[in-house]
């Protein structure tokens, strides 16, 4: 007789490894550092302020 092995253990290990591999791919694809996020937010705020400065206020005429 051979040794009895638990196939669930191997299946779960394979699933964990695949999940870790997918998570690593997602981090590289979607992840940004805190510095990148803050820089993007700063650029967006600056662009919004620039557009607001060039807005023409018009009074409604009756």
PDB file of N, CA and C in Angstrom:
ATOM      1  N   UNK A   1       0.832  -1.183   0.000  1.00  0.00           N
ATOM      2  CA  UNK A   1       0.000   0.000   0.000  1.00  0.00           C
ATOM      3  C   UNK A   1       0.874   1.243   0.000  1.00  0.00           C
ATOM      4  N   UNK A   2       0.409   2.240  -0.700  1.00  0.00           N
ATOM      5  CA  UNK A   2       1.137   3.506  -0.734  1.00  0.00           C
ATOM      6  C   UNK A   2       0.699   4.420   0.387  1.00  0.00           C
ATOM      7  N   UNK A   3       1.357   5.528   0.487  1.00  0.00           N
ATOM      8  CA  UNK A   3       0.994   6.505   1.507  1.00  0.00           C
ATOM      9  C   UNK A   3      -0.305   7.211   1.124  1.00  0.00           C
ATOM     10  N   UNK A   4      -1.116   7.495   2.112  1.00  0.00           N
ATOM     11  CA  UNK A   4      -2.356   8.220   1.888  1.00  0.00           C
ATOM     12  C   UNK A   4      -2.016   9.715   1.888  1.00  0.00           C
ATOM     13  N   UNK A   5      -2.472  10.408   0.846  1.00  0.00           N
ATOM     14  CA  UNK A   5      -2.212  11.848   0.765  1.00  0.00           C
ATOM     15  C   UNK A   5      -3.533  12.599   0.703  1.00  0.00           C
ATOM     16  N   UNK A   6      -3.519  13.780   1.210  1.00  0.00           N
ATOM     17  CA  UNK A   6      -4.709  14.608   1.214  1.00  0.00           C
ATOM     18  C   UNK A   6      -4.653  15.526  -0.010  1.00  0.00           C
ATOM     19  N   UNK A   7      -5.494  15.269  -0.994  1.00  0.00           N
ATOM     20  CA  UNK A   7      -5.474  16.051  -2.233  1.00  0.00           C
ATOM     21  C   UNK A   7      -5.992  17.469  -2.020  1.00  0.00           C
ATOM     22  N   UNK A   8      -6.851  17.660  -1.004  1.00  0.00           N
ATOM     23  CA  UNK A   8      -7.351  19.008  -0.733  1.00  0.00           C
ATOM     24  C   UNK A   8      -6.212  19.952  -0.377  1.00  0.00           C
ATOM     25  N   UNK A   9      -5.229  19.454   0.341  1.00  0.00           N
ATOM     26  CA  UNK A   9      -4.085  20.284   0.727  1.00  0.00           C
ATOM     27  C   UNK A   9      -3.355  20.795  -0.517  1.00  0.00           C
ATOM     28  N   UNK A  10      -3.143  19.934  -1.479  1.00  0.00           N
ATOM     29  CA  UNK A  10      -2.446  20.325  -2.703  1.00  0.00           C
ATOM     30  C   UNK A  10      -3.305  21.258  -3.559  1.00  0.00           C
ATOM     31  N   UNK A  11      -4.603  20.985  -3.597  1.00  0.00           N
ATOM     32  CA  UNK A  11      -5.511  21.836  -4.367  1.00  0.00           C
ATOM     33  C   UNK A  11      -5.533  23.246  -3.779  1.00  0.00           C
ATOM     34  N   UNK A  12      -5.657  23.332  -2.452  1.00  0.00           N
ATOM     35  CA  UNK A  12      -5.699  24.635  -1.798  1.00  0.00           C
ATOM     36  C   UNK A  12      -4.379  25.376  -1.955  1.00  0.00           C
ATOM     37  N   UNK A  13      -3.276  24.671  -1.891  1.00  0.00           N
ATOM     38  CA  UNK A  13      -1.975  25.311  -2.074  1.00  0.00           C
ATOM     39  C   UNK A  13      -1.868  25.888  -3.481  1.00  0.00           C
ATOM     40  N   UNK A  14      -2.327  25.136  -4.477  1.00  0.00           N
ATOM     41  CA  UNK A  14      -2.284  25.608  -5.866  1.00  0.00           C
ATOM     42  C   UNK A  14      -3.166  26.834  -6.044  1.00  0.00           C
ATOM     43  N   UNK A  15      -4.336  26.829  -5.403  1.00  0.00           N
ATOM     44  CA  UNK A  15      -5.232  27.985  -5.492  1.00  0.00           C
ATOM     45  C   UNK A  15      -4.610  29.217  -4.845  1.00  0.00           C
ATOM     46  N   UNK A  16      -3.947  29.034  -3.688  1.00  0.00           N
ATOM     47  CA  UNK A  16      -3.288  30.157  -3.016  1.00  0.00           C
ATOM     48  C   UNK A  16      -2.166  30.729  -3.876  1.00  0.00           C
ATOM     49  N   UNK A  17      -1.394  29.853  -4.494  1.00  0.00           N
ATOM     50  CA  UNK A  17      -0.302  30.307  -5.350  1.00  0.00           C
ATOM     51  C   UNK A  17      -0.834  31.062  -6.565  1.00  0.00           C
ATOM     52  N   UNK A  18      -1.913  30.558  -7.159  1.00  0.00           N
ATOM     53  CA  UNK A  18      -2.509  31.242  -8.313  1.00  0.00           C
ATOM     54  C   UNK A  18      -3.078  32.592  -7.893  1.00  0.00           C
ATOM     55  N   UNK A  19      -3.695  32.640  -6.715  1.00  0.00           N
ATOM     56  CA  UNK A  19      -4.248  33.886  -6.215  1.00  0.00           C
ATOM     57  C   UNK A  19      -3.150  34.902  -5.940  1.00  0.00           C
ATOM     58  N   UNK A  20      -2.047  34.443  -5.370  1.00  0.00           N
ATOM     59  CA  UNK A  20      -0.924  35.334  -5.098  1.00  0.00           C
ATOM     60  C   UNK A  20      -0.325  35.870  -6.394  1.00  0.00           C
ATOM     61  N   UNK A  21      -0.254  35.032  -7.398  1.00  0.00           N
ATOM     62  CA  UNK A  21       0.277  35.450  -8.701  1.00  0.00           C
ATOM     63  C   UNK A  21      -0.637  36.501  -9.336  1.00  0.00           C
ATOM     64  N   UNK A  22      -1.956  36.295  -9.244  1.00  0.00           N
ATOM     65  CA  UNK A  22      -2.921  37.251  -9.785  1.00  0.00           C
ATOM     66  C   UNK A  22      -2.855  38.570  -9.019  1.00  0.00           C
ATOM     67  N   UNK A  23      -2.714  38.501  -7.703  1.00  0.00           N
ATOM     68  CA  UNK A  23      -2.621  39.711  -6.886  1.00  0.00           C
ATOM     69  C   UNK A  23      -1.374  40.505  -7.249  1.00  0.00           C
ATOM     70  N   UNK A  24      -0.274  39.819  -7.489  1.00  0.00           N
ATOM     71  CA  UNK A  24       0.959  40.501  -7.875  1.00  0.00           C
ATOM     72  C   UNK A  24       0.782  41.197  -9.223  1.00  0.00           C
ATOM     73  N   UNK A  25       0.117  40.529 -10.153  1.00  0.00           N
ATOM     74  CA  UNK A  25      -0.130  41.139 -11.465  1.00  0.00           C
ATOM     75  C   UNK A  25      -1.028  42.372 -11.325  1.00  0.00           C
ATOM     76  N   UNK A  26      -2.046  42.295 -10.458  1.00  0.00           N
ATOM     77  CA  UNK A  26      -2.936  43.433 -10.256  1.00  0.00           C
ATOM     78  C   UNK A  26      -2.208  44.598  -9.599  1.00  0.00           C
ATOM     79  N   UNK A  27      -1.294  44.311  -8.670  1.00  0.00           N
ATOM     80  CA  UNK A  27      -0.534  45.391  -8.034  1.00  0.00           C
ATOM     81  C   UNK A  27       0.295  46.148  -9.052  1.00  0.00           C
ATOM     82  N   UNK A  28       0.905  45.427  -9.969  1.00  0.00           N
ATOM     83  CA  UNK A  28       1.722  46.108 -10.972  1.00  0.00           C
ATOM     84  C   UNK A  28       0.860  46.826 -11.998  1.00  0.00           C
ATOM     85  N   UNK A  29      -0.323  46.308 -12.271  1.00  0.00           N
ATOM     86  CA  UNK A  29      -1.183  46.910 -13.284  1.00  0.00           C
ATOM     87  C   UNK A  29      -1.946  48.128 -12.756  1.00  0.00           C
ATOM     88  N   UNK A  30      -2.475  48.039 -11.536  1.00  0.00           N
ATOM     89  CA  UNK A  30      -3.346  49.079 -11.025  1.00  0.00           C
ATOM     90  C   UNK A  30      -2.733  49.900  -9.895  1.00  0.00           C
ATOM     91  N   UNK A  31      -1.717  49.389  -9.268  1.00  0.00           N
ATOM     92  CA  UNK A  31      -1.185  50.036  -8.074  1.00  0.00           C
ATOM     93  C   UNK A  31      -0.396  51.289  -8.380  1.00  0.00           C
ATOM     94  N   UNK A  32      -0.547  52.270  -7.529  1.00  0.00           N
ATOM     95  CA  UNK A  32       0.248  53.488  -7.604  1.00  0.00           C
ATOM     96  C   UNK A  32       0.753  53.789  -6.202  1.00  0.00           C
ATOM     97  N   UNK A  33       1.896  54.414  -6.137  1.00  0.00           N
ATOM     98  CA  UNK A  33       2.431  54.769  -4.836  1.00  0.00           C
ATOM     99  C   UNK A  33       1.687  55.976  -4.293  1.00  0.00           C
ATOM    100  N   UNK A  34       1.864  56.228  -3.013  1.00  0.00           N
ATOM    101  CA  UNK A  34       1.211  57.361  -2.384  1.00  0.00           C
ATOM    102  C   UNK A  34       1.688  58.662  -3.019  1.00  0.00           C
ATOM    103  N   UNK A  35       2.960  58.750  -3.359  1.00  0.00           N
ATOM    104  CA  UNK A  35       3.506  59.945  -3.993  1.00  0.00           C
ATOM    105  C   UNK A  35       2.862  60.179  -5.361  1.00  0.00           C
ATOM    106  N   UNK A  36       2.651  59.114  -6.120  1.00  0.00           N
ATOM    107  CA  UNK A  36       2.008  59.252  -7.428  1.00  0.00           C
ATOM    108  C   UNK A  36       0.571  59.725  -7.288  1.00  0.00           C
ATOM    109  N   UNK A  37      -0.156  59.163  -6.299  1.00  0.00           N
ATOM    110  CA  UNK A  37      -1.544  59.588  -6.094  1.00  0.00           C
ATOM    111  C   UNK A  37      -1.614  61.056  -5.681  1.00  0.00           C
ATOM    112  N   UNK A  38      -0.749  61.485  -4.776  1.00  0.00           N
ATOM    113  CA  UNK A  38      -0.789  62.870  -4.320  1.00  0.00           C
ATOM    114  C   UNK A  38      -0.365  63.821  -5.438  1.00  0.00           C
ATOM    115  N   UNK A  39       0.605  63.415  -6.259  1.00  0.00           N
ATOM    116  CA  UNK A  39       1.015  64.252  -7.385  1.00  0.00           C
ATOM    117  C   UNK A  39      -0.125  64.410  -8.387  1.00  0.00           C
ATOM    118  N   UNK A  40      -0.832  63.322  -8.668  1.00  0.00           N
ATOM    119  CA  UNK A  40      -1.974  63.388  -9.584  1.00  0.00           C
ATOM    120  C   UNK A  40      -3.064  64.299  -9.028  1.00  0.00           C
ATOM    121  N   UNK A  41      -3.327  64.193  -7.728  1.00  0.00           N
ATOM    122  CA  UNK A  41      -4.339  65.038  -7.100  1.00  0.00           C
ATOM    123  C   UNK A  41      -3.933  66.507  -7.160  1.00  0.00           C
ATOM    124  N   UNK A  42      -2.668  66.789  -6.952  1.00  0.00           N
ATOM    125  CA  UNK A  42      -2.169  68.159  -7.015  1.00  0.00           C
ATOM    126  C   UNK A  42      -2.317  68.712  -8.426  1.00  0.00           C
ATOM    127  N   UNK A  43      -1.969  67.908  -9.430  1.00  0.00           N
ATOM    128  CA  UNK A  43      -2.124  68.362 -10.821  1.00  0.00           C
ATOM    129  C   UNK A  43      -3.588  68.630 -11.159  1.00  0.00           C
ATOM    130  N   UNK A  44      -4.484  67.774 -10.689  1.00  0.00           N
ATOM    131  CA  UNK A  44      -5.910  67.953 -10.962  1.00  0.00           C
ATOM    132  C   UNK A  44      -6.428  69.223 -10.295  1.00  0.00           C
ATOM    133  N   UNK A  45      -6.007  69.474  -9.048  1.00  0.00           N
ATOM    134  CA  UNK A  45      -6.431  70.699  -8.354  1.00  0.00           C
ATOM    135  C   UNK A  45      -5.914  71.937  -9.073  1.00  0.00           C
ATOM    136  N   UNK A  46      -4.681  71.878  -9.536  1.00  0.00           N
ATOM    137  CA  UNK A  46      -4.092  73.022 -10.238  1.00  0.00           C
ATOM    138  C   UNK A  46      -4.823  73.279 -11.558  1.00  0.00           C
ATOM    139  N   UNK A  47      -5.151  72.223 -12.278  1.00  0.00           N
ATOM    140  CA  UNK A  47      -5.869  72.378 -13.550  1.00  0.00           C
ATOM    141  C   UNK A  47      -7.265  72.942 -13.317  1.00  0.00           C
ATOM    142  N   UNK A  48      -7.950  72.480 -12.262  1.00  0.00           N
ATOM    143  CA  UNK A  48      -9.283  73.002 -11.958  1.00  0.00           C
ATOM    144  C   UNK A  48      -9.209  74.478 -11.592  1.00  0.00           C
ATOM    145  N   UNK A  49      -8.225  74.846 -10.805  1.00  0.00           N
ATOM    146  CA  UNK A  49      -8.057  76.253 -10.425  1.00  0.00           C
ATOM    147  C   UNK A  49      -7.755  77.099 -11.653  1.00  0.00           C
ATOM    148  N   UNK A  50      -6.956  76.587 -12.560  1.00  0.00           N
ATOM    149  CA  UNK A  50      -6.620  77.320 -13.779  1.00  0.00           C
ATOM    150  C   UNK A  50      -7.877  77.554 -14.628  1.00  0.00           C
ATOM    151  N   UNK A  51      -8.718  76.541 -14.746  1.00  0.00           N
ATOM    152  CA  UNK A  51      -9.950  76.700 -15.518  1.00  0.00           C
ATOM    153  C   UNK A  51     -10.908  77.671 -14.828  1.00  0.00           C
ATOM    154  N   UNK A  52     -10.991  77.598 -13.517  1.00  0.00           N
ATOM    155  CA  UNK A  52     -11.872  78.501 -12.789  1.00  0.00           C
ATOM    156  C   UNK A  52     -11.442  79.951 -12.937  1.00  0.00           C
ATOM    157  N   UNK A  53     -10.158  80.204 -13.064  1.00  0.00           N
ATOM    158  CA  UNK A  53      -9.662  81.562 -13.227  1.00  0.00           C
ATOM    159  C   UNK A  53     -10.058  82.149 -14.575  1.00  0.00           C
ATOM    160  N   UNK A  54     -10.260  81.306 -15.560  1.00  0.00           N
ATOM    161  CA  UNK A  54     -10.575  81.771 -16.901  1.00  0.00           C
ATOM    162  C   UNK A  54     -12.076  81.745 -17.210  1.00  0.00           C
ATOM    163  N   UNK A  55     -12.867  81.469 -16.213  1.00  0.00           N
ATOM    164  CA  UNK A  55     -14.311  81.408 -16.426  1.00  0.00           C
ATOM    165  C   UNK A  55     -14.864  82.821 -16.524  1.00  0.00           C
ATOM    166  N   UNK A  56     -15.751  83.025 -17.448  1.00  0.00           N
ATOM    167  CA  UNK A  56     -16.369  84.336 -17.644  1.00  0.00           C
ATOM    168  C   UNK A  56     -17.692  84.347 -16.899  1.00  0.00           C
ATOM    169  N   UNK A  57     -17.823  85.316 -15.986  1.00  0.00           N
ATOM    170  CA  UNK A  57     -19.075  85.471 -15.259  1.00  0.00           C
ATOM    171  C   UNK A  57     -19.995  86.384 -16.065  1.00  0.00           C
ATOM    172  N   UNK A  58     -21.148  85.893 -16.356  1.00  0.00           N
ATOM    173  CA  UNK A  58     -22.120  86.677 -17.123  1.00  0.00           C
ATOM    174  C   UNK A  58     -23.352  86.879 -16.283  1.00  0.00           C
ATOM    175  N   UNK A  59     -23.829  88.080 -16.285  1.00  0.00           N
ATOM    176  CA  UNK A  59     -25.063  88.367 -15.576  1.00  0.00           C
ATOM    177  C   UNK A  59     -26.238  88.053 -16.468  1.00  0.00           C
ATOM    178  N   UNK A  60     -27.265  87.522 -15.869  1.00  0.00           N
ATOM    179  CA  UNK A  60     -28.446  87.217 -16.657  1.00  0.00           C
ATOM    180  C   UNK A  60     -29.217  88.508 -16.916  1.00  0.00           C
ATOM    181  N   UNK A  61     -29.649  88.669 -18.139  1.00  0.00           N
ATOM    182  CA  UNK A  61     -30.430  89.863 -18.490  1.00  0.00           C
ATOM    183  C   UNK A  61     -31.902  89.516 -18.538  1.00  0.00           C
ATOM    184  N   UNK A  62     -32.741  90.405 -17.970  1.00  0.00           N
ATOM    185  CA  UNK A  62     -34.192  90.094 -17.928  1.00  0.00           C
ATOM    186  C   UNK A  62     -34.861  90.154 -19.263  1.00  0.00           C
TER     187      UNK A  62
END
